[in-house]
PDB file of all heavy atoms in Angstrom:
ATOM      1  N   GLY A   1      95.277  86.544  84.071  1.00  0.00           N
ATOM      2  CA  GLY A   1      96.668  86.897  84.218  1.00  0.00           C
ATOM      3  C   GLY A   1      96.911  88.051  85.137  1.00  0.00           C
ATOM      4  O   GLY A   1      97.468  87.869  86.192  1.00  0.00           O
ATOM      5  N   SER A   2      96.541  89.226  84.745  1.00  0.00           N
ATOM      6  CA  SER A   2      97.011  90.407  85.498  1.00  0.00           C
ATOM      7  C   SER A   2      95.850  91.148  86.159  1.00  0.00           C
ATOM      8  O   SER A   2      96.056  92.227  86.699  1.00  0.00           O
ATOM      9  CB  SER A   2      97.717  91.405  84.545  1.00  0.00           C
ATOM     10  OG  SER A   2      96.864  91.812  83.492  1.00  0.00           O
ATOM     11  N   SER A   3      94.651  90.624  86.156  1.00  0.00           N
ATOM     12  CA  SER A   3      93.543  91.331  86.698  1.00  0.00           C
ATOM     13  C   SER A   3      93.426  91.189  88.246  1.00  0.00           C
ATOM     14  O   SER A   3      93.700  90.170  88.816  1.00  0.00           O
ATOM     15  CB  SER A   3      92.190  90.838  86.112  1.00  0.00           C
ATOM     16  OG  SER A   3      91.130  91.476  86.582  1.00  0.00           O
ATOM     17  N   MET A   4      93.093  92.281  88.923  1.00  0.00           N
ATOM     18  CA  MET A   4      92.932  92.325  90.359  1.00  0.00           C
ATOM     19  C   MET A   4      91.549  92.926  90.693  1.00  0.00           C
ATOM     20  O   MET A   4      91.279  94.021  90.188  1.00  0.00           O
ATOM     21  CB  MET A   4      94.046  93.112  91.012  1.00  0.00           C
ATOM     22  CG  MET A   4      93.932  93.203  92.544  1.00  0.00           C
ATOM     23  SD  MET A   4      94.897  94.554  93.275  1.00  0.00           S
ATOM     24  CE  MET A   4      96.348  94.654  92.194  1.00  0.00           C
ATOM     25  N   ARG A   5      90.760  92.244  91.528  1.00  0.00           N
ATOM     26  CA  ARG A   5      89.441  92.756  91.845  1.00  0.00           C
ATOM     27  C   ARG A   5      89.552  93.624  93.151  1.00  0.00           C
ATOM     28  O   ARG A   5      90.177  93.237  94.081  1.00  0.00           O
ATOM     29  CB  ARG A   5      88.416  91.681  92.050  1.00  0.00           C
ATOM     30  CG  ARG A   5      86.987  92.235  92.262  1.00  0.00           C
ATOM     31  CD  ARG A   5      85.920  91.120  92.260  1.00  0.00           C
ATOM     32  NE  ARG A   5      85.975  90.340  93.467  1.00  0.00           N
ATOM     33  CZ  ARG A   5      85.052  89.457  93.818  1.00  0.00           C
ATOM     34  NH1 ARG A   5      84.015  89.277  93.046  1.00  0.00           N
ATOM     35  NH2 ARG A   5      85.222  88.746  94.919  1.00  0.00           N
ATOM     36  N   LEU A   6      88.877  94.778  93.134  1.00  0.00           N
ATOM     37  CA  LEU A   6      88.793  95.648  94.280  1.00  0.00           C
ATOM     38  C   LEU A   6      87.361  95.961  94.561  1.00  0.00           C
ATOM     39  O   LEU A   6      86.677  96.624  93.715  1.00  0.00           O
ATOM     40  CB  LEU A   6      89.560  96.942  94.070  1.00  0.00           C
ATOM     41  CG  LEU A   6      89.450  97.971  95.201  1.00  0.00           C
ATOM     42  CD1 LEU A   6      90.007  97.434  96.485  1.00  0.00           C
ATOM     43  CD2 LEU A   6      90.180  99.260  94.844  1.00  0.00           C
ATOM     44  N   THR A   7      86.782  95.406  95.607  1.00  0.00           N
ATOM     45  CA  THR A   7      85.382  95.591  95.931  1.00  0.00           C
ATOM     46  C   THR A   7      85.264  96.588  97.091  1.00  0.00           C
ATOM     47  O   THR A   7      85.776  96.377  98.252  1.00  0.00           O
ATOM     48  CB  THR A   7      84.760  94.251  96.360  1.00  0.00           C
ATOM     49  OG1 THR A   7      85.012  93.284  95.398  1.00  0.00           O
ATOM     50  CG2 THR A   7      83.232  94.394  96.531  1.00  0.00           C
ATOM     51  N   VAL A   8      84.672  97.769  96.770  1.00  0.00           N
ATOM     52  CA  VAL A   8      84.704  98.893  97.711  1.00  0.00           C
ATOM     53  C   VAL A   8      83.279  99.238  98.149  1.00  0.00           C
ATOM     54  O   VAL A   8      82.384  99.323  97.347  1.00  0.00           O
ATOM     55  CB  VAL A   8      85.310 100.131  97.006  1.00  0.00           C
ATOM     56  CG1 VAL A   8      85.417 101.287  97.987  1.00  0.00           C
ATOM     57  CG2 VAL A   8      86.708  99.811  96.447  1.00  0.00           C
ATOM     58  N   GLY A   9      83.128  99.506  99.453  1.00  0.00           N
ATOM     59  CA  GLY A   9      81.913 100.054  99.985  1.00  0.00           C
ATOM     60  C   GLY A   9      82.122 101.543 100.192  1.00  0.00           C
ATOM     61  O   GLY A   9      83.075 101.975 100.760  1.00  0.00           O
ATOM     62  N   ILE A  10      81.150 102.347  99.694  1.00  0.00           N
ATOM     63  CA  ILE A  10      81.274 103.827  99.805  1.00  0.00           C
ATOM     64  C   ILE A  10      80.138 104.361 100.677  1.00  0.00           C
ATOM     65  O   ILE A  10      78.954 104.178 100.328  1.00  0.00           O
ATOM     66  CB  ILE A  10      81.246 104.495  98.414  1.00  0.00           C
ATOM     67  CG1 ILE A  10      82.441 104.002  97.558  1.00  0.00           C
ATOM     68  CG2 ILE A  10      81.335 106.002  98.618  1.00  0.00           C
ATOM     69  CD1 ILE A  10      82.430 104.467  96.154  1.00  0.00           C
ATOM     70  N   SER A  11      80.489 104.889 101.845  1.00  0.00           N
ATOM     71  CA  SER A  11      79.426 105.432 102.683  1.00  0.00           C
ATOM     72  C   SER A  11      78.663 106.564 102.030  1.00  0.00           C
ATOM     73  O   SER A  11      79.227 107.337 101.317  1.00  0.00           O
ATOM     74  CB  SER A  11      80.118 105.990 103.908  1.00  0.00           C
ATOM     75  OG  SER A  11      79.165 106.625 104.766  1.00  0.00           O
ATOM     76  N   ASP A  12      77.322 106.494 102.215  1.00  0.00           N
ATOM     77  CA  ASP A  12      76.469 107.476 101.471  1.00  0.00           C
ATOM     78  C   ASP A  12      76.746 108.947 101.905  1.00  0.00           C
ATOM     79  O   ASP A  12      76.329 109.848 101.181  1.00  0.00           O
ATOM     80  CB  ASP A  12      74.974 107.139 101.625  1.00  0.00           C
ATOM     81  CG  ASP A  12      74.548 107.006 103.080  1.00  0.00           C
ATOM     82  OD1 ASP A  12      75.332 107.397 103.976  1.00  0.00           O
ATOM     83  OD2 ASP A  12      73.476 106.563 103.312  1.00  0.00           O
ATOM     84  N   SER A  13      77.426 109.106 103.038  1.00  0.00           N
ATOM     85  CA  SER A  13      77.785 110.474 103.502  1.00  0.00           C
ATOM     86  C   SER A  13      79.064 111.004 102.845  1.00  0.00           C
ATOM     87  O   SER A  13      79.397 112.189 103.031  1.00  0.00           O
ATOM     88  CB  SER A  13      77.899 110.482 104.979  1.00  0.00           C
ATOM     89  OG  SER A  13      78.859 109.613 105.488  1.00  0.00           O
ATOM     90  N   LEU A  14      79.796 110.090 102.224  1.00  0.00           N
ATOM     91  CA  LEU A  14      81.077 110.485 101.619  1.00  0.00           C
ATOM     92  C   LEU A  14      80.846 111.142 100.243  1.00  0.00           C
ATOM     93  O   LEU A  14      80.167 110.564  99.407  1.00  0.00           O
ATOM     94  CB  LEU A  14      82.006 109.258 101.457  1.00  0.00           C
ATOM     95  CG  LEU A  14      83.438 109.569 100.972  1.00  0.00           C
ATOM     96  CD1 LEU A  14      84.274 110.194 102.085  1.00  0.00           C
ATOM     97  CD2 LEU A  14      84.074 108.317 100.455  1.00  0.00           C
ATOM     98  N   PRO A  15      81.314 112.387 100.009  1.00  0.00           N
ATOM     99  CA  PRO A  15      81.175 112.915  98.715  1.00  0.00           C
ATOM    100  C   PRO A  15      81.692 112.070  97.593  1.00  0.00           C
ATOM    101  O   PRO A  15      82.805 111.527  97.685  1.00  0.00           O
ATOM    102  CB  PRO A  15      81.978 114.252  98.815  1.00  0.00           C
ATOM    103  CG  PRO A  15      82.027 114.582 100.242  1.00  0.00           C
ATOM    104  CD  PRO A  15      82.021 113.244 100.996  1.00  0.00           C
ATOM    105  N   LYS A  16      80.937 111.928  96.474  1.00  0.00           N
ATOM    106  CA  LYS A  16      81.262 111.001  95.495  1.00  0.00           C
ATOM    107  C   LYS A  16      82.572 111.407  94.714  1.00  0.00           C
ATOM    108  O   LYS A  16      83.377 110.558  94.278  1.00  0.00           O
ATOM    109  CB  LYS A  16      80.189 110.919  94.424  1.00  0.00           C
ATOM    110  CG  LYS A  16      78.824 110.531  95.026  1.00  0.00           C
ATOM    111  CD  LYS A  16      78.881 109.232  95.826  1.00  0.00           C
ATOM    112  CE  LYS A  16      77.627 108.895  96.540  1.00  0.00           C
ATOM    113  NZ  LYS A  16      77.374 109.763  97.683  1.00  0.00           N
ATOM    114  N   LEU A  17      82.789 112.698  94.627  1.00  0.00           N
ATOM    115  CA  LEU A  17      84.068 113.170  94.040  1.00  0.00           C
ATOM    116  C   LEU A  17      85.232 112.865  94.840  1.00  0.00           C
ATOM    117  O   LEU A  17      86.327 112.482  94.329  1.00  0.00           O
ATOM    118  CB  LEU A  17      83.994 114.686  93.817  1.00  0.00           C
ATOM    119  CG  LEU A  17      83.047 115.168  92.701  1.00  0.00           C
ATOM    120  CD1 LEU A  17      82.877 116.646  92.721  1.00  0.00           C
ATOM    121  CD2 LEU A  17      83.554 114.702  91.291  1.00  0.00           C
ATOM    122  N   ILE A  18      85.107 112.823  96.154  1.00  0.00           N
ATOM    123  CA  ILE A  18      86.164 112.402  97.086  1.00  0.00           C
ATOM    124  C   ILE A  18      86.443 110.876  96.877  1.00  0.00           C
ATOM    125  O   ILE A  18      87.594 110.468  96.756  1.00  0.00           O
ATOM    126  CB  ILE A  18      85.827 112.636  98.552  1.00  0.00           C
ATOM    127  CG1 ILE A  18      85.767 114.134  98.866  1.00  0.00           C
ATOM    128  CG2 ILE A  18      86.762 111.913  99.438  1.00  0.00           C
ATOM    129  CD1 ILE A  18      87.157 114.789  98.909  1.00  0.00           C
ATOM    130  N   ALA A  19      85.366 110.091  96.776  1.00  0.00           N
ATOM    131  CA  ALA A  19      85.504 108.679  96.550  1.00  0.00           C
ATOM    132  C   ALA A  19      86.278 108.413  95.234  1.00  0.00           C
ATOM    133  O   ALA A  19      87.182 107.535  95.226  1.00  0.00           O
ATOM    134  CB  ALA A  19      84.110 108.008  96.481  1.00  0.00           C
ATOM    135  N   TYR A  20      85.942 109.172  94.239  1.00  0.00           N
ATOM    136  CA  TYR A  20      86.648 109.008  92.953  1.00  0.00           C
ATOM    137  C   TYR A  20      88.132 109.380  93.062  1.00  0.00           C
ATOM    138  O   TYR A  20      89.013 108.658  92.601  1.00  0.00           O
ATOM    139  CB  TYR A  20      85.989 109.927  91.844  1.00  0.00           C
ATOM    140  CG  TYR A  20      86.877 109.962  90.580  1.00  0.00           C
ATOM    141  CD1 TYR A  20      86.909 108.875  89.743  1.00  0.00           C
ATOM    142  CD2 TYR A  20      87.662 111.049  90.309  1.00  0.00           C
ATOM    143  CE1 TYR A  20      87.697 108.894  88.620  1.00  0.00           C
ATOM    144  CE2 TYR A  20      88.452 111.135  89.169  1.00  0.00           C
ATOM    145  CZ  TYR A  20      88.516 109.993  88.332  1.00  0.00           C
ATOM    146  OH  TYR A  20      89.285 110.017  87.216  1.00  0.00           O
ATOM    147  N   ARG A  21      88.443 110.495  93.805  1.00  0.00           N
ATOM    148  CA  ARG A  21      89.832 110.891  93.982  1.00  0.00           C
ATOM    149  C   ARG A  21      90.585 109.804  94.709  1.00  0.00           C
ATOM    150  O   ARG A  21      91.772 109.521  94.408  1.00  0.00           O
ATOM    151  CB  ARG A  21      89.916 112.150  94.787  1.00  0.00           C
ATOM    152  CG  ARG A  21      89.365 113.373  94.037  1.00  0.00           C
ATOM    153  CD  ARG A  21      90.340 113.931  93.022  1.00  0.00           C
ATOM    154  NE  ARG A  21      89.836 115.129  92.378  1.00  0.00           N
ATOM    155  CZ  ARG A  21      90.003 116.346  92.801  1.00  0.00           C
ATOM    156  NH1 ARG A  21      90.545 116.587  93.996  1.00  0.00           N
ATOM    157  NH2 ARG A  21      89.465 117.414  92.155  1.00  0.00           N
ATOM    158  N   LEU A  22      89.995 109.199  95.725  1.00  0.00           N
ATOM    159  CA  LEU A  22      90.659 108.154  96.473  1.00  0.00           C
ATOM    160  C   LEU A  22      90.933 106.908  95.643  1.00  0.00           C
ATOM    161  O   LEU A  22      91.961 106.272  95.803  1.00  0.00           O
ATOM    162  CB  LEU A  22      89.887 107.759  97.711  1.00  0.00           C
ATOM    163  CG  LEU A  22      89.707 108.920  98.771  1.00  0.00           C
ATOM    164  CD1 LEU A  22      88.737 108.499  99.878  1.00  0.00           C
ATOM    165  CD2 LEU A  22      91.028 109.266  99.381  1.00  0.00           C
ATOM    166  N   LEU A  23      89.943 106.544  94.827  1.00  0.00           N
ATOM    167  CA  LEU A  23      90.017 105.310  94.060  1.00  0.00           C
ATOM    168  C   LEU A  23      90.878 105.474  92.805  1.00  0.00           C
ATOM    169  O   LEU A  23      91.380 104.489  92.269  1.00  0.00           O
ATOM    170  CB  LEU A  23      88.628 104.799  93.688  1.00  0.00           C
ATOM    171  CG  LEU A  23      87.752 104.360  94.846  1.00  0.00           C
ATOM    172  CD1 LEU A  23      86.318 104.093  94.379  1.00  0.00           C
ATOM    173  CD2 LEU A  23      88.347 103.089  95.469  1.00  0.00           C
ATOM    174  N   GLU A  24      91.049 106.696  92.381  1.00  0.00           N
ATOM    175  CA  GLU A  24      91.789 106.930  91.149  1.00  0.00           C
ATOM    176  C   GLU A  24      93.185 106.377  91.195  1.00  0.00           C
ATOM    177  O   GLU A  24      93.668 105.882  90.187  1.00  0.00           O
ATOM    178  CB  GLU A  24      91.820 108.468  90.892  1.00  0.00           C
ATOM    179  CG  GLU A  24      92.324 108.897  89.536  1.00  0.00           C
ATOM    180  CD  GLU A  24      92.245 110.382  89.354  1.00  0.00           C
ATOM    181  OE1 GLU A  24      92.230 111.121  90.367  1.00  0.00           O
ATOM    182  OE2 GLU A  24      92.400 110.900  88.216  1.00  0.00           O
ATOM    183  N   THR A  25      93.843 106.470  92.336  1.00  0.00           N
ATOM    184  CA  THR A  25      95.202 105.998  92.448  1.00  0.00           C
ATOM    185  C   THR A  25      95.233 104.478  92.239  1.00  0.00           C
ATOM    186  O   THR A  25      96.231 104.015  91.627  1.00  0.00           O
ATOM    187  CB  THR A  25      95.769 106.361  93.872  1.00  0.00           C
ATOM    188  OG1 THR A  25      94.842 105.839  94.854  1.00  0.00           O
ATOM    189  CG2 THR A  25      95.913 107.844  93.969  1.00  0.00           C
ATOM    190  N   ALA A  26      94.320 103.752  92.702  1.00  0.00           N
ATOM    191  CA  ALA A  26      94.257 102.283  92.573  1.00  0.00           C
ATOM    192  C   ALA A  26      94.099 101.911  91.080  1.00  0.00           C
ATOM    193  O   ALA A  26      94.619 100.893  90.645  1.00  0.00           O
ATOM    194  CB  ALA A  26      93.136 101.711  93.383  1.00  0.00           C
ATOM    195  N   LEU A  27      93.427 102.774  90.349  1.00  0.00           N
ATOM    196  CA  LEU A  27      93.195 102.453  88.921  1.00  0.00           C
ATOM    197  C   LEU A  27      94.397 102.710  88.061  1.00  0.00           C
ATOM    198  O   LEU A  27      94.416 102.338  86.906  1.00  0.00           O
ATOM    199  CB  LEU A  27      91.952 103.272  88.414  1.00  0.00           C
ATOM    200  CG  LEU A  27      90.637 102.981  89.120  1.00  0.00           C
ATOM    201  CD1 LEU A  27      89.580 103.923  88.583  1.00  0.00           C
ATOM    202  CD2 LEU A  27      90.206 101.551  88.889  1.00  0.00           C
ATOM    203  N   HIS A  28      95.387 103.300  88.587  1.00  0.00           N
ATOM    204  CA  HIS A  28      96.634 103.589  87.800  1.00  0.00           C
ATOM    205  C   HIS A  28      97.726 102.678  88.201  1.00  0.00           C
ATOM    206  O   HIS A  28      98.908 102.965  87.846  1.00  0.00           O
ATOM    207  CB  HIS A  28      97.027 105.082  88.013  1.00  0.00           C
ATOM    208  CG  HIS A  28      96.117 106.024  87.295  1.00  0.00           C
ATOM    209  ND1 HIS A  28      95.117 106.701  87.927  1.00  0.00           N
ATOM    210  CD2 HIS A  28      96.057 106.406  85.979  1.00  0.00           C
ATOM    211  CE1 HIS A  28      94.494 107.471  87.102  1.00  0.00           C
ATOM    212  NE2 HIS A  28      95.031 107.314  85.907  1.00  0.00           N
ATOM    213  N   LEU A  29      97.472 101.601  88.891  1.00  0.00           N
ATOM    214  CA  LEU A  29      98.467 100.545  89.209  1.00  0.00           C
ATOM    215  C   LEU A  29      98.909  99.836  87.923  1.00  0.00           C
ATOM    216  O   LEU A  29      98.162  99.762  87.005  1.00  0.00           O
ATOM    217  CB  LEU A  29      97.933  99.536  90.184  1.00  0.00           C
ATOM    218  CG  LEU A  29      97.708  99.984  91.672  1.00  0.00           C
ATOM    219  CD1 LEU A  29      96.962  98.924  92.463  1.00  0.00           C
ATOM    220  CD2 LEU A  29      99.064 100.287  92.321  1.00  0.00           C
ATOM    221  N   PRO A  30     100.145  99.389  87.937  1.00  0.00           N
ATOM    222  CA  PRO A  30     100.636  98.580  86.734  1.00  0.00           C
ATOM    223  C   PRO A  30      99.724  97.400  86.477  1.00  0.00           C
ATOM    224  O   PRO A  30      99.504  97.068  85.291  1.00  0.00           O
ATOM    225  CB  PRO A  30     102.014  98.130  87.185  1.00  0.00           C
ATOM    226  CG  PRO A  30     102.466  99.137  88.202  1.00  0.00           C
ATOM    227  CD  PRO A  30     101.177  99.541  88.926  1.00  0.00           C
ATOM    228  N   GLN A  31      99.213  96.774  87.548  1.00  0.00           N
ATOM    229  CA  GLN A  31      98.291  95.644  87.369  1.00  0.00           C
ATOM    230  C   GLN A  31      96.872  96.150  87.180  1.00  0.00           C
ATOM    231  O   GLN A  31      96.430  97.101  87.831  1.00  0.00           O
ATOM    232  CB  GLN A  31      98.359  94.734  88.599  1.00  0.00           C
ATOM    233  CG  GLN A  31      97.509  93.385  88.471  1.00  0.00           C
ATOM    234  CD  GLN A  31      97.692  92.555  89.692  1.00  0.00           C
ATOM    235  OE1 GLN A  31      98.246  92.963  90.670  1.00  0.00           O
ATOM    236  NE2 GLN A  31      97.123  91.387  89.568  1.00  0.00           N
ATOM    237  N   LYS A  32      96.167  95.564  86.176  1.00  0.00           N
ATOM    238  CA  LYS A  32      94.867  95.953  85.890  1.00  0.00           C
ATOM    239  C   LYS A  32      93.902  95.722  87.021  1.00  0.00           C
ATOM    240  O   LYS A  32      93.963  94.610  87.682  1.00  0.00           O
ATOM    241  CB  LYS A  32      94.300  95.186  84.651  1.00  0.00           C
ATOM    242  CG  LYS A  32      92.893  95.590  84.209  1.00  0.00           C
ATOM    243  CD  LYS A  32      92.446  94.772  83.014  1.00  0.00           C
ATOM    244  CE  LYS A  32      91.071  95.124  82.596  1.00  0.00           C
ATOM    245  NZ  LYS A  32      90.534  94.311  81.519  1.00  0.00           N
ATOM    246  N   VAL A  33      93.076  96.637  87.410  1.00  0.00           N
ATOM    247  CA  VAL A  33      92.158  96.557  88.551  1.00  0.00           C
ATOM    248  C   VAL A  33      90.767  96.499  88.034  1.00  0.00           C
ATOM    249  O   VAL A  33      90.333  97.413  87.244  1.00  0.00           O
ATOM    250  CB  VAL A  33      92.339  97.719  89.550  1.00  0.00           C
ATOM    251  CG1 VAL A  33      91.237  97.645  90.677  1.00  0.00           C
ATOM    252  CG2 VAL A  33      93.715  97.695  90.201  1.00  0.00           C
ATOM    253  N   ARG A  34      89.949  95.524  88.493  1.00  0.00           N
ATOM    254  CA  ARG A  34      88.520  95.457  88.208  1.00  0.00           C
ATOM    255  C   ARG A  34      87.796  96.013  89.418  1.00  0.00           C
ATOM    256  O   ARG A  34      87.785  95.354  90.473  1.00  0.00           O
ATOM    257  CB  ARG A  34      88.158  94.041  87.888  1.00  0.00           C
ATOM    258  CG  ARG A  34      86.665  93.940  87.264  1.00  0.00           C
ATOM    259  CD  ARG A  34      86.306  92.551  86.952  1.00  0.00           C
ATOM    260  NE  ARG A  34      85.921  91.838  88.134  1.00  0.00           N
ATOM    261  CZ  ARG A  34      85.726  90.468  88.125  1.00  0.00           C
ATOM    262  NH1 ARG A  34      85.946  89.768  87.092  1.00  0.00           N
ATOM    263  NH2 ARG A  34      85.447  89.851  89.272  1.00  0.00           N
ATOM    264  N   LEU A  35      87.188  97.145  89.280  1.00  0.00           N
ATOM    265  CA  LEU A  35      86.603  97.914  90.443  1.00  0.00           C
ATOM    266  C   LEU A  35      85.127  97.569  90.490  1.00  0.00           C
ATOM    267  O   LEU A  35      84.381  97.596  89.545  1.00  0.00           O
ATOM    268  CB  LEU A  35      86.805  99.357  90.215  1.00  0.00           C
ATOM    269  CG  LEU A  35      86.370 100.331  91.357  1.00  0.00           C
ATOM    270  CD1 LEU A  35      87.168 100.012  92.589  1.00  0.00           C
ATOM    271  CD2 LEU A  35      86.559 101.748  90.892  1.00  0.00           C
ATOM    272  N   GLU A  36      84.713  97.234  91.788  1.00  0.00           N
ATOM    273  CA  GLU A  36      83.274  97.063  92.053  1.00  0.00           C
ATOM    274  C   GLU A  36      82.911  98.015  93.258  1.00  0.00           C
ATOM    275  O   GLU A  36      83.552  97.904  94.285  1.00  0.00           O
ATOM    276  CB  GLU A  36      82.931  95.614  92.428  1.00  0.00           C
ATOM    277  CG  GLU A  36      83.140  94.687  91.331  1.00  0.00           C
ATOM    278  CD  GLU A  36      82.782  93.225  91.751  1.00  0.00           C
ATOM    279  OE1 GLU A  36      82.224  93.044  92.779  1.00  0.00           O
ATOM    280  OE2 GLU A  36      83.175  92.270  91.000  1.00  0.00           O
ATOM    281  N   CYS A  37      81.971  98.920  93.082  1.00  0.00           N
ATOM    282  CA  CYS A  37      81.578  99.859  94.074  1.00  0.00           C
ATOM    283  C   CYS A  37      80.173  99.623  94.574  1.00  0.00           C
ATOM    284  O   CYS A  37      79.303  99.509  93.715  1.00  0.00           O
ATOM    285  CB  CYS A  37      81.769 101.287  93.561  1.00  0.00           C
ATOM    286  SG  CYS A  37      83.493 101.827  93.267  1.00  0.00           S
ATOM    287  N   TYR A  38      79.969  99.729  95.856  1.00  0.00           N
ATOM    288  CA  TYR A  38      78.620  99.657  96.438  1.00  0.00           C
ATOM    289  C   TYR A  38      78.446 100.771  97.409  1.00  0.00           C
ATOM    290  O   TYR A  38      79.252 100.965  98.290  1.00  0.00           O
ATOM    291  CB  TYR A  38      78.433  98.249  97.138  1.00  0.00           C
ATOM    292  CG  TYR A  38      78.664  97.105  96.196  1.00  0.00           C
ATOM    293  CD1 TYR A  38      79.855  96.521  96.076  1.00  0.00           C
ATOM    294  CD2 TYR A  38      77.549  96.569  95.509  1.00  0.00           C
ATOM    295  CE1 TYR A  38      80.068  95.397  95.233  1.00  0.00           C
ATOM    296  CE2 TYR A  38      77.711  95.486  94.648  1.00  0.00           C
ATOM    297  CZ  TYR A  38      78.949  94.933  94.470  1.00  0.00           C
ATOM    298  OH  TYR A  38      79.144  93.880  93.659  1.00  0.00           O
ATOM    299  N   GLU A  39      77.402 101.483  97.223  1.00  0.00           N
ATOM    300  CA  GLU A  39      77.064 102.587  98.165  1.00  0.00           C
ATOM    301  C   GLU A  39      76.038 102.135  99.192  1.00  0.00           C
ATOM    302  O   GLU A  39      75.162 101.397  98.914  1.00  0.00           O
ATOM    303  CB  GLU A  39      76.539 103.803  97.424  1.00  0.00           C
ATOM    304  CG  GLU A  39      76.310 105.011  98.291  1.00  0.00           C
ATOM    305  CD  GLU A  39      75.654 106.187  97.578  1.00  0.00           C
ATOM    306  OE1 GLU A  39      75.325 105.964  96.378  1.00  0.00           O
ATOM    307  OE2 GLU A  39      75.573 107.255  98.139  1.00  0.00           O
ATOM    308  N   GLY A  40      76.209 102.603 100.461  1.00  0.00           N
ATOM    309  CA  GLY A  40      75.229 102.275 101.457  1.00  0.00           C
ATOM    310  C   GLY A  40      75.444 102.961 102.761  1.00  0.00           C
ATOM    311  O   GLY A  40      76.328 103.832 102.864  1.00  0.00           O
TER     312      GLY A  40
END
């Protein structure tokens, strides 16, 4: 019904706390987001 998948690649040089701050906004959308993160 309302689930949306977001598959994200996170560069290993990007601070993890920055990645969290950026993704946090997507997790607060009205539609439920299923997050998949891959570092590389």
